[in-house]
Amino acid sequence: MGSPAAVRETVILIVEDEPLIRMAAMMLIRGLGDRALEAANADEAIVLPEARAEITIGFTDVQMEGSMGSIALTHGAAGRWPPLRFIIVSGGTTPQCDEMPAGAIFLAKPYANAAVRRSIAQFA
C-alpha cells in the first residue's frame, strides 16, 4: 500500500480587534481543522503574510481600530500577495462587491459555522 496523500493545511489569519470575538473565531477555525493565526488590527496583520508565507486566507472584520480598516488591508495584501484570499465579516457594515478585492467572500455576523466552512472550501 502506498502512503496516504499529503493533506495541505489551510492557514487562516484572523484579524479582529475585539478580543472575545477574535478568540471565538480562532476556536471556530481550529475546530474546523485549520490552523489559525491572529492579529488585533490591520496594522499588525499587514506584515504577517511577508513573514508567514503559509497564510492563504485572511478572515477580517470590516470595522476595526487602527490606521487602516479591513477593506484597505485586504486590497493592500491582495496586491502584495495575490494568492491570499479573504473572508470579510461584519455585524453592521456591508461592503459593496466593488469595494472588496476580487474573489473575496462577505459573511454577515453572526455567521454560521457552516457558512465559514463553505467559504474556506471555496478557496481550497
N, C-alpha and C. Protein backbone atom coordinates (compact mmCIF):
# COMPACT_ATOMS: atom_id res chain seq x y z
N MET A 1 0.83 -1.18 0.00
CA MET A 1 0.00 0.00 0.00
C MET A 1 0.87 1.24 0.00
N GLY A 2 0.45 2.23 -0.74
CA GLY A 2 1.18 3.49 -0.77
C GLY A 2 0.81 4.34 0.43
N SER A 3 1.62 5.37 0.65
CA SER A 3 1.32 6.27 1.76
C SER A 3 0.16 7.18 1.39
N PRO A 4 -0.62 7.60 2.37
CA PRO A 4 -1.75 8.48 2.07
C PRO A 4 -1.25 9.80 1.49
N ALA A 5 -2.08 10.37 0.65
CA ALA A 5 -1.73 11.65 0.04
C ALA A 5 -1.60 12.71 1.13
N ALA A 6 -0.65 13.59 0.97
CA ALA A 6 -0.44 14.66 1.94
C ALA A 6 -1.64 15.61 1.92
N VAL A 7 -2.11 15.97 3.08
CA VAL A 7 -3.22 16.90 3.20
C VAL A 7 -2.63 18.27 3.47
N ARG A 8 -2.97 19.22 2.64
CA ARG A 8 -2.44 20.57 2.81
C ARG A 8 -3.24 21.29 3.89
N GLU A 9 -2.53 21.79 4.87
CA GLU A 9 -3.16 22.51 5.96
C GLU A 9 -3.48 23.93 5.51
N THR A 10 -4.70 24.38 5.79
CA THR A 10 -5.09 25.75 5.49
C THR A 10 -4.72 26.61 6.69
N VAL A 11 -4.01 27.70 6.43
CA VAL A 11 -3.61 28.62 7.49
C VAL A 11 -4.38 29.92 7.28
N ILE A 12 -5.14 30.29 8.30
CA ILE A 12 -6.04 31.44 8.21
C ILE A 12 -5.62 32.49 9.22
N LEU A 13 -5.49 33.72 8.76
CA LEU A 13 -5.16 34.84 9.62
C LEU A 13 -6.45 35.53 10.05
N ILE A 14 -6.74 35.48 11.34
CA ILE A 14 -7.92 36.14 11.91
C ILE A 14 -7.53 37.55 12.31
N VAL A 15 -8.23 38.55 11.76
CA VAL A 15 -7.95 39.95 12.09
C VAL A 15 -9.22 40.53 12.70
N GLU A 16 -9.18 40.73 14.00
CA GLU A 16 -10.37 41.17 14.75
C GLU A 16 -9.90 41.96 15.96
N ASP A 17 -10.45 43.17 16.16
CA ASP A 17 -9.99 43.99 17.27
C ASP A 17 -10.70 43.69 18.59
N GLU A 18 -11.80 42.98 18.56
CA GLU A 18 -12.50 42.59 19.79
C GLU A 18 -11.94 41.25 20.27
N PRO A 19 -11.24 41.23 21.41
CA PRO A 19 -10.56 40.01 21.86
C PRO A 19 -11.46 38.77 21.97
N LEU A 20 -12.66 38.92 22.52
CA LEU A 20 -13.53 37.75 22.68
C LEU A 20 -14.03 37.22 21.33
N ILE A 21 -14.32 38.13 20.42
CA ILE A 21 -14.76 37.70 19.08
C ILE A 21 -13.59 37.04 18.34
N ARG A 22 -12.39 37.61 18.50
CA ARG A 22 -11.19 37.02 17.88
C ARG A 22 -10.95 35.61 18.43
N MET A 23 -11.08 35.45 19.74
CA MET A 23 -10.88 34.14 20.36
C MET A 23 -11.93 33.14 19.84
N ALA A 24 -13.17 33.56 19.72
CA ALA A 24 -14.23 32.67 19.20
C ALA A 24 -13.94 32.27 17.76
N ALA A 25 -13.48 33.22 16.96
CA ALA A 25 -13.15 32.92 15.56
C ALA A 25 -11.97 31.95 15.49
N MET A 26 -10.99 32.14 16.35
CA MET A 26 -9.84 31.23 16.39
C MET A 26 -10.29 29.82 16.74
N MET A 27 -11.17 29.70 17.74
CA MET A 27 -11.67 28.38 18.14
C MET A 27 -12.48 27.75 17.01
N LEU A 28 -13.27 28.55 16.32
CA LEU A 28 -14.06 28.04 15.20
C LEU A 28 -13.15 27.48 14.11
N ILE A 29 -12.15 28.26 13.71
CA ILE A 29 -11.24 27.84 12.64
C ILE A 29 -10.48 26.58 13.05
N ARG A 30 -9.99 26.55 14.26
CA ARG A 30 -9.28 25.35 14.74
C ARG A 30 -10.22 24.16 14.82
N GLY A 31 -11.46 24.40 15.22
CA GLY A 31 -12.45 23.34 15.28
C GLY A 31 -12.79 22.75 13.92
N LEU A 32 -12.62 23.54 12.88
CA LEU A 32 -12.83 23.07 11.52
C LEU A 32 -11.63 22.30 10.99
N GLY A 33 -10.55 22.26 11.79
CA GLY A 33 -9.36 21.51 11.40
C GLY A 33 -8.30 22.33 10.70
N ASP A 34 -8.47 23.64 10.68
CA ASP A 34 -7.48 24.50 10.05
C ASP A 34 -6.61 25.16 11.11
N ARG A 35 -5.52 25.76 10.66
CA ARG A 35 -4.61 26.45 11.57
C ARG A 35 -4.96 27.93 11.56
N ALA A 36 -4.99 28.54 12.73
CA ALA A 36 -5.36 29.95 12.85
C ALA A 36 -4.24 30.76 13.47
N LEU A 37 -3.97 31.90 12.88
CA LEU A 37 -3.07 32.90 13.44
C LEU A 37 -3.92 34.12 13.72
N GLU A 38 -3.42 35.05 14.55
CA GLU A 38 -4.26 36.18 14.91
C GLU A 38 -3.52 37.51 14.86
N ALA A 39 -4.32 38.55 14.62
CA ALA A 39 -3.85 39.93 14.69
C ALA A 39 -5.01 40.75 15.24
N ALA A 40 -4.68 41.74 16.07
CA ALA A 40 -5.70 42.56 16.70
C ALA A 40 -6.17 43.72 15.82
N ASN A 41 -5.42 44.01 14.76
CA ASN A 41 -5.82 45.10 13.86
C ASN A 41 -5.08 44.94 12.53
N ALA A 42 -5.45 45.79 11.58
CA ALA A 42 -4.86 45.71 10.25
C ALA A 42 -3.37 46.04 10.26
N ASP A 43 -2.95 46.93 11.17
CA ASP A 43 -1.53 47.30 11.25
C ASP A 43 -0.68 46.08 11.62
N GLU A 44 -1.17 45.25 12.54
CA GLU A 44 -0.46 44.01 12.89
C GLU A 44 -0.53 43.01 11.75
N ALA A 45 -1.68 42.94 11.11
CA ALA A 45 -1.92 41.91 10.09
C ALA A 45 -1.14 42.12 8.80
N ILE A 46 -0.93 43.35 8.39
CA ILE A 46 -0.36 43.61 7.06
C ILE A 46 1.06 43.07 6.91
N VAL A 47 1.78 42.91 8.01
CA VAL A 47 3.15 42.42 7.91
C VAL A 47 3.25 40.89 8.02
N LEU A 48 2.21 40.24 8.49
CA LEU A 48 2.29 38.80 8.73
C LEU A 48 2.45 37.94 7.48
N PRO A 49 1.77 38.21 6.37
CA PRO A 49 1.99 37.34 5.19
C PRO A 49 3.42 37.36 4.67
N GLU A 50 4.13 38.45 4.90
CA GLU A 50 5.54 38.53 4.50
C GLU A 50 6.37 37.53 5.29
N ALA A 51 6.11 37.45 6.59
CA ALA A 51 6.86 36.57 7.47
C ALA A 51 6.31 35.15 7.50
N ARG A 52 5.04 34.99 7.16
CA ARG A 52 4.37 33.69 7.26
C ARG A 52 3.72 33.36 5.92
N ALA A 53 4.50 32.88 4.99
CA ALA A 53 4.03 32.60 3.63
C ALA A 53 2.96 31.53 3.57
N GLU A 54 2.79 30.76 4.65
CA GLU A 54 1.79 29.69 4.64
C GLU A 54 0.37 30.21 4.82
N ILE A 55 0.20 31.50 5.14
CA ILE A 55 -1.14 32.08 5.28
C ILE A 55 -1.78 32.13 3.89
N THR A 56 -2.96 31.53 3.77
CA THR A 56 -3.65 31.51 2.48
C THR A 56 -4.98 32.26 2.51
N ILE A 57 -5.52 32.46 3.72
CA ILE A 57 -6.82 33.13 3.84
C ILE A 57 -6.75 34.16 4.95
N GLY A 58 -7.28 35.34 4.68
CA GLY A 58 -7.46 36.36 5.70
C GLY A 58 -8.93 36.39 6.08
N PHE A 59 -9.22 36.37 7.37
CA PHE A 59 -10.58 36.40 7.90
C PHE A 59 -10.67 37.66 8.73
N THR A 60 -11.35 38.70 8.23
CA THR A 60 -11.25 40.01 8.85
C THR A 60 -12.58 40.71 9.01
N ASP A 61 -12.70 41.43 10.12
CA ASP A 61 -13.88 42.24 10.38
C ASP A 61 -13.76 43.55 9.62
N VAL A 62 -14.89 44.11 9.19
CA VAL A 62 -14.86 45.36 8.43
C VAL A 62 -14.41 46.53 9.30
N GLN A 63 -15.00 46.68 10.46
CA GLN A 63 -14.72 47.84 11.30
C GLN A 63 -13.71 47.46 12.38
N MET A 64 -12.57 48.15 12.36
CA MET A 64 -11.52 47.89 13.33
C MET A 64 -10.82 49.18 13.71
N GLU A 65 -10.19 49.13 14.87
CA GLU A 65 -9.34 50.24 15.31
C GLU A 65 -8.03 50.17 14.53
N GLY A 66 -7.32 51.27 14.48
CA GLY A 66 -6.01 51.29 13.83
C GLY A 66 -5.97 52.26 12.68
N SER A 67 -4.84 52.29 12.00
CA SER A 67 -4.64 53.28 10.94
C SER A 67 -5.33 52.91 9.64
N MET A 68 -5.77 51.67 9.50
CA MET A 68 -6.49 51.29 8.29
C MET A 68 -7.58 50.29 8.64
N GLY A 69 -8.64 50.31 7.88
CA GLY A 69 -9.72 49.34 8.06
C GLY A 69 -9.44 48.08 7.27
N SER A 70 -10.34 47.14 7.38
CA SER A 70 -10.10 45.85 6.74
C SER A 70 -10.18 45.93 5.22
N ILE A 71 -10.98 46.82 4.68
CA ILE A 71 -11.06 46.92 3.22
C ILE A 71 -9.71 47.38 2.66
N ALA A 72 -9.10 48.38 3.30
CA ALA A 72 -7.76 48.82 2.89
C ALA A 72 -6.75 47.69 3.08
N LEU A 73 -6.87 46.97 4.20
CA LEU A 73 -5.99 45.83 4.46
C LEU A 73 -6.10 44.79 3.36
N THR A 74 -7.32 44.42 3.01
CA THR A 74 -7.49 43.36 2.01
C THR A 74 -6.95 43.78 0.65
N HIS A 75 -7.16 45.02 0.26
CA HIS A 75 -6.63 45.48 -1.02
C HIS A 75 -5.11 45.53 -1.01
N GLY A 76 -4.54 46.03 0.07
CA GLY A 76 -3.07 46.09 0.17
C GLY A 76 -2.45 44.71 0.17
N ALA A 77 -3.02 43.80 0.93
CA ALA A 77 -2.48 42.44 0.99
C ALA A 77 -2.70 41.69 -0.31
N ALA A 78 -3.85 41.87 -0.94
CA ALA A 78 -4.12 41.19 -2.22
C ALA A 78 -3.14 41.66 -3.30
N GLY A 79 -2.77 42.93 -3.25
CA GLY A 79 -1.81 43.44 -4.22
C GLY A 79 -0.40 42.91 -4.00
N ARG A 80 -0.03 42.70 -2.75
CA ARG A 80 1.32 42.22 -2.42
C ARG A 80 1.45 40.70 -2.46
N TRP A 81 0.38 40.01 -2.10
CA TRP A 81 0.40 38.54 -2.03
C TRP A 81 -0.84 38.00 -2.75
N PRO A 82 -0.81 37.98 -4.09
CA PRO A 82 -2.01 37.59 -4.86
C PRO A 82 -2.64 36.25 -4.49
N PRO A 83 -1.91 35.25 -4.01
CA PRO A 83 -2.62 34.01 -3.65
C PRO A 83 -3.50 34.15 -2.41
N LEU A 84 -3.32 35.22 -1.63
CA LEU A 84 -4.09 35.41 -0.40
C LEU A 84 -5.54 35.75 -0.75
N ARG A 85 -6.48 35.02 -0.14
CA ARG A 85 -7.91 35.24 -0.36
C ARG A 85 -8.53 35.73 0.94
N PHE A 86 -9.74 36.30 0.85
CA PHE A 86 -10.32 36.95 2.03
C PHE A 86 -11.76 36.57 2.29
N ILE A 87 -12.05 36.37 3.59
CA ILE A 87 -13.41 36.28 4.09
C ILE A 87 -13.58 37.52 4.95
N ILE A 88 -14.51 38.38 4.55
CA ILE A 88 -14.73 39.65 5.24
C ILE A 88 -16.06 39.54 5.98
N VAL A 89 -16.04 39.88 7.27
CA VAL A 89 -17.25 39.74 8.10
C VAL A 89 -17.60 41.07 8.74
N SER A 90 -18.90 41.24 9.04
CA SER A 90 -19.33 42.45 9.73
C SER A 90 -20.71 42.23 10.33
N GLY A 91 -20.90 42.87 11.47
CA GLY A 91 -22.20 42.86 12.11
C GLY A 91 -22.99 44.13 11.83
N GLY A 92 -22.43 45.03 11.10
CA GLY A 92 -23.12 46.29 10.84
C GLY A 92 -22.98 46.77 9.41
N THR A 93 -21.76 46.90 8.93
CA THR A 93 -21.49 47.45 7.60
C THR A 93 -21.38 46.33 6.58
N THR A 94 -22.09 46.47 5.47
CA THR A 94 -21.98 45.51 4.38
C THR A 94 -21.27 46.19 3.22
N PRO A 95 -20.03 45.78 2.93
CA PRO A 95 -19.31 46.42 1.81
C PRO A 95 -19.94 46.03 0.47
N GLN A 96 -19.87 46.94 -0.46
CA GLN A 96 -20.31 46.65 -1.82
C GLN A 96 -19.30 45.73 -2.48
N CYS A 97 -19.74 44.94 -3.43
CA CYS A 97 -18.84 43.99 -4.12
C CYS A 97 -17.63 44.69 -4.71
N ASP A 98 -17.82 45.88 -5.28
CA ASP A 98 -16.70 46.58 -5.91
C ASP A 98 -15.74 47.19 -4.89
N GLU A 99 -16.09 47.20 -3.61
CA GLU A 99 -15.20 47.68 -2.56
C GLU A 99 -14.23 46.60 -2.11
N MET A 100 -14.60 45.34 -2.30
CA MET A 100 -13.78 44.23 -1.84
C MET A 100 -12.86 43.74 -2.95
N PRO A 101 -11.74 43.11 -2.59
CA PRO A 101 -10.86 42.55 -3.62
C PRO A 101 -11.60 41.44 -4.40
N ALA A 102 -11.19 41.22 -5.61
CA ALA A 102 -11.81 40.18 -6.44
C ALA A 102 -11.75 38.84 -5.71
N GLY A 103 -12.86 38.14 -5.70
CA GLY A 103 -12.92 36.82 -5.10
C GLY A 103 -13.18 36.79 -3.62
N ALA A 104 -13.22 37.96 -2.96
CA ALA A 104 -13.48 37.99 -1.52
C ALA A 104 -14.91 37.55 -1.24
N ILE A 105 -15.11 36.95 -0.08
CA ILE A 105 -16.43 36.50 0.35
C ILE A 105 -16.84 37.33 1.55
N PHE A 106 -18.10 37.79 1.56
CA PHE A 106 -18.62 38.53 2.70
C PHE A 106 -19.59 37.66 3.48
N LEU A 107 -19.45 37.66 4.82
CA LEU A 107 -20.38 36.99 5.71
C LEU A 107 -20.87 37.98 6.75
N ALA A 108 -22.19 38.04 6.94
CA ALA A 108 -22.76 38.90 7.97
C ALA A 108 -22.66 38.21 9.32
N LYS A 109 -22.35 38.99 10.36
CA LYS A 109 -22.35 38.48 11.72
C LYS A 109 -23.78 38.51 12.25
N PRO A 110 -24.20 37.58 13.02
CA PRO A 110 -23.43 36.39 13.40
C PRO A 110 -23.43 35.39 12.24
N TYR A 111 -22.27 34.86 11.94
CA TYR A 111 -22.13 33.90 10.84
C TYR A 111 -22.24 32.49 11.39
N ALA A 112 -22.77 31.62 10.56
CA ALA A 112 -22.91 30.21 10.94
C ALA A 112 -21.60 29.48 10.67
N ASN A 113 -21.28 28.52 11.51
CA ASN A 113 -20.07 27.72 11.30
C ASN A 113 -20.06 27.10 9.91
N ALA A 114 -21.20 26.64 9.45
CA ALA A 114 -21.30 26.01 8.12
C ALA A 114 -20.96 27.01 7.02
N ALA A 115 -21.34 28.27 7.19
CA ALA A 115 -21.03 29.29 6.18
C ALA A 115 -19.52 29.54 6.13
N VAL A 116 -18.87 29.55 7.27
CA VAL A 116 -17.42 29.72 7.31
C VAL A 116 -16.76 28.51 6.64
N ARG A 117 -17.22 27.32 6.96
CA ARG A 117 -16.67 26.09 6.37
C ARG A 117 -16.81 26.13 4.84
N ARG A 118 -17.98 26.52 4.34
CA ARG A 118 -18.19 26.60 2.88
C ARG A 118 -17.28 27.64 2.25
N SER A 119 -17.11 28.77 2.92
CA SER A 119 -16.26 29.83 2.39
C SER A 119 -14.81 29.37 2.29
N ILE A 120 -14.32 28.71 3.32
CA ILE A 120 -12.95 28.18 3.30
C ILE A 120 -12.81 27.16 2.17
N ALA A 121 -13.80 26.29 2.02
CA ALA A 121 -13.76 25.25 0.98
C ALA A 121 -13.71 25.87 -0.43
N GLN A 122 -14.34 27.03 -0.62
CA GLN A 122 -14.31 27.68 -1.93
C GLN A 122 -12.89 28.11 -2.32
N PHE A 123 -12.04 28.34 -1.32
CA PHE A 123 -10.68 28.77 -1.59
C PHE A 123 -9.70 27.61 -1.70
N ALA A 124 -10.16 26.41 -1.40
CA ALA A 124 -9.26 25.24 -1.43
C ALA A 124 -8.94 24.80 -2.85
